Amino acid sequence: MDTLSHVANILLLVSFSVKSMLALRALNLVAGSFFIAWAMSFSEPLWSSVAWNTLFGVVNVWRIYLTILERRPP
């Protein structure tokens, strides 16, 4: 299951190279989901990794929501 970890890290690498903050947060959400899948793939899941990536995901979803609201026309 190292593939999930590699995919997640590649997505993080790509996310840091984009100009758009919205794209960065969206790619981080996808990468976080791969990290969660990777952490759950062990016989004894890595719950701390799942918890942290879930928290990061919640923060990113909130910031994406606020960014979309800010971009709406008046």
C-alpha atoms as a PDB file:
ATOM      1  CA  MET A   1       0.000   0.000   0.000  1.00  0.00           C
ATOM      2  CA  ASP A   2       2.968   2.320  -0.329  1.00  0.00           C
ATOM      3  CA  THR A   3       1.400   3.414  -3.608  1.00  0.00           C
ATOM      4  CA  LEU A   4      -1.256   5.378  -1.696  1.00  0.00           C
ATOM      5  CA  SER A   5       1.435   7.219   0.224  1.00  0.00           C
ATOM      6  CA  HIS A   6       3.356   8.010  -2.972  1.00  0.00           C
ATOM      7  CA  VAL A   7       0.224   9.278  -4.742  1.00  0.00           C
ATOM      8  CA  ALA A   8      -0.631  11.475  -1.743  1.00  0.00           C
ATOM      9  CA  ASN A   9       2.863  12.961  -1.646  1.00  0.00           C
ATOM     10  CA  ILE A  10       2.877  13.598  -5.404  1.00  0.00           C
ATOM     11  CA  LEU A  11      -0.464  15.416  -5.055  1.00  0.00           C
ATOM     12  CA  LEU A  12       0.997  17.536  -2.257  1.00  0.00           C
ATOM     13  CA  LEU A  13       3.982  18.354  -4.435  1.00  0.00           C
ATOM     14  CA  VAL A  14       1.712  19.394  -7.293  1.00  0.00           C
ATOM     15  CA  SER A  15      -0.540  21.395  -4.957  1.00  0.00           C
ATOM     16  CA  PHE A  16       2.385  23.527  -3.807  1.00  0.00           C
ATOM     17  CA  SER A  17       3.256  24.366  -7.399  1.00  0.00           C
ATOM     18  CA  VAL A  18      -0.128  25.790  -8.422  1.00  0.00           C
ATOM     19  CA  LYS A  19      -0.845  29.513  -8.280  1.00  0.00           C
ATOM     20  CA  SER A  20      -4.470  29.314  -7.208  1.00  0.00           C
ATOM     21  CA  MET A  21      -5.155  28.990  -3.489  1.00  0.00           C
ATOM     22  CA  LEU A  22      -8.417  27.219  -4.323  1.00  0.00           C
ATOM     23  CA  ALA A  23      -6.588  24.607  -6.409  1.00  0.00           C
ATOM     24  CA  LEU A  24      -3.969  24.184  -3.674  1.00  0.00           C
ATOM     25  CA  ARG A  25      -6.647  23.479  -1.063  1.00  0.00           C
ATOM     26  CA  ALA A  26      -8.565  21.130  -3.368  1.00  0.00           C
ATOM     27  CA  LEU A  27      -5.436  19.121  -4.171  1.00  0.00           C
ATOM     28  CA  ASN A  28      -4.587  18.987  -0.472  1.00  0.00           C
ATOM     29  CA  LEU A  29      -8.049  17.558   0.194  1.00  0.00           C
ATOM     30  CA  VAL A  30      -7.490  14.818  -2.369  1.00  0.00           C
ATOM     31  CA  ALA A  31      -3.996  14.115  -1.020  1.00  0.00           C
ATOM     32  CA  GLY A  32      -5.404  13.918   2.500  1.00  0.00           C
ATOM     33  CA  SER A  33      -7.932  11.331   1.403  1.00  0.00           C
ATOM     34  CA  PHE A  34      -5.099   9.212   0.003  1.00  0.00           C
ATOM     35  CA  PHE A  35      -3.209   9.589   3.287  1.00  0.00           C
ATOM     36  CA  ILE A  36      -6.316   8.460   5.174  1.00  0.00           C
ATOM     37  CA  ALA A  37      -6.709   5.451   2.864  1.00  0.00           C
ATOM     38  CA  TRP A  38      -3.026   4.637   3.386  1.00  0.00           C
ATOM     39  CA  ALA A  39      -3.322   4.926   7.182  1.00  0.00           C
ATOM     40  CA  MET A  40      -6.400   2.684   7.180  1.00  0.00           C
ATOM     41  CA  SER A  41      -4.670   0.010   5.085  1.00  0.00           C
ATOM     42  CA  PHE A  42      -2.586  -1.287   8.002  1.00  0.00           C
ATOM     43  CA  SER A  43      -3.765  -4.222  10.104  1.00  0.00           C
ATOM     44  CA  GLU A  44      -3.872  -1.760  13.025  1.00  0.00           C
ATOM     45  CA  PRO A  45      -4.923   1.559  11.418  1.00  0.00           C
ATOM     46  CA  LEU A  46      -2.855   4.654  12.183  1.00  0.00           C
ATOM     47  CA  TRP A  47      -5.622   6.559  13.939  1.00  0.00           C
ATOM     48  CA  SER A  48      -3.537   9.628  14.715  1.00  0.00           C
ATOM     49  CA  SER A  49      -2.787  10.072  11.011  1.00  0.00           C
ATOM     50  CA  VAL A  50      -6.464   9.612  10.176  1.00  0.00           C
ATOM     51  CA  ALA A  51      -7.453  12.166  12.813  1.00  0.00           C
ATOM     52  CA  TRP A  52      -4.927  14.782  11.710  1.00  0.00           C
ATOM     53  CA  ASN A  53      -5.751  14.415   8.019  1.00  0.00           C
ATOM     54  CA  THR A  54      -9.455  14.625   8.822  1.00  0.00           C
ATOM     55  CA  LEU A  55      -8.842  17.850  10.749  1.00  0.00           C
ATOM     56  CA  PHE A  56      -6.782  19.270   7.874  1.00  0.00           C
ATOM     57  CA  GLY A  57      -9.594  18.302   5.504  1.00  0.00           C
ATOM     58  CA  VAL A  58     -12.204  20.100   7.601  1.00  0.00           C
ATOM     59  CA  VAL A  59     -10.069  23.260   7.663  1.00  0.00           C
ATOM     60  CA  ASN A  60      -9.525  23.069   3.897  1.00  0.00           C
ATOM     61  CA  VAL A  61     -13.237  22.528   3.188  1.00  0.00           C
ATOM     62  CA  TRP A  62     -14.069  25.550   5.357  1.00  0.00           C
ATOM     63  CA  ARG A  63     -11.474  27.729   3.618  1.00  0.00           C
ATOM     64  CA  ILE A  64     -12.649  26.549   0.170  1.00  0.00           C
ATOM     65  CA  TYR A  65     -16.202  27.486   1.139  1.00  0.00           C
ATOM     66  CA  LEU A  66     -15.085  30.961   2.277  1.00  0.00           C
ATOM     67  CA  THR A  67     -13.002  31.459  -0.874  1.00  0.00           C
ATOM     68  CA  ILE A  68     -15.966  30.582  -3.092  1.00  0.00           C
ATOM     69  CA  LEU A  69     -18.150  33.031  -1.138  1.00  0.00           C
ATOM     70  CA  GLU A  70     -15.540  35.776  -1.580  1.00  0.00           C
ATOM     71  CA  ARG A  71     -15.383  35.223  -5.340  1.00  0.00           C
ATOM     72  CA  ARG A  72     -19.115  35.586  -5.833  1.00  0.00           C
ATOM     73  CA  PRO A  73     -20.167  38.760  -7.595  1.00  0.00           C
ATOM     74  CA  PRO A  74     -21.912  41.325  -5.382  1.00  0.00           C
END
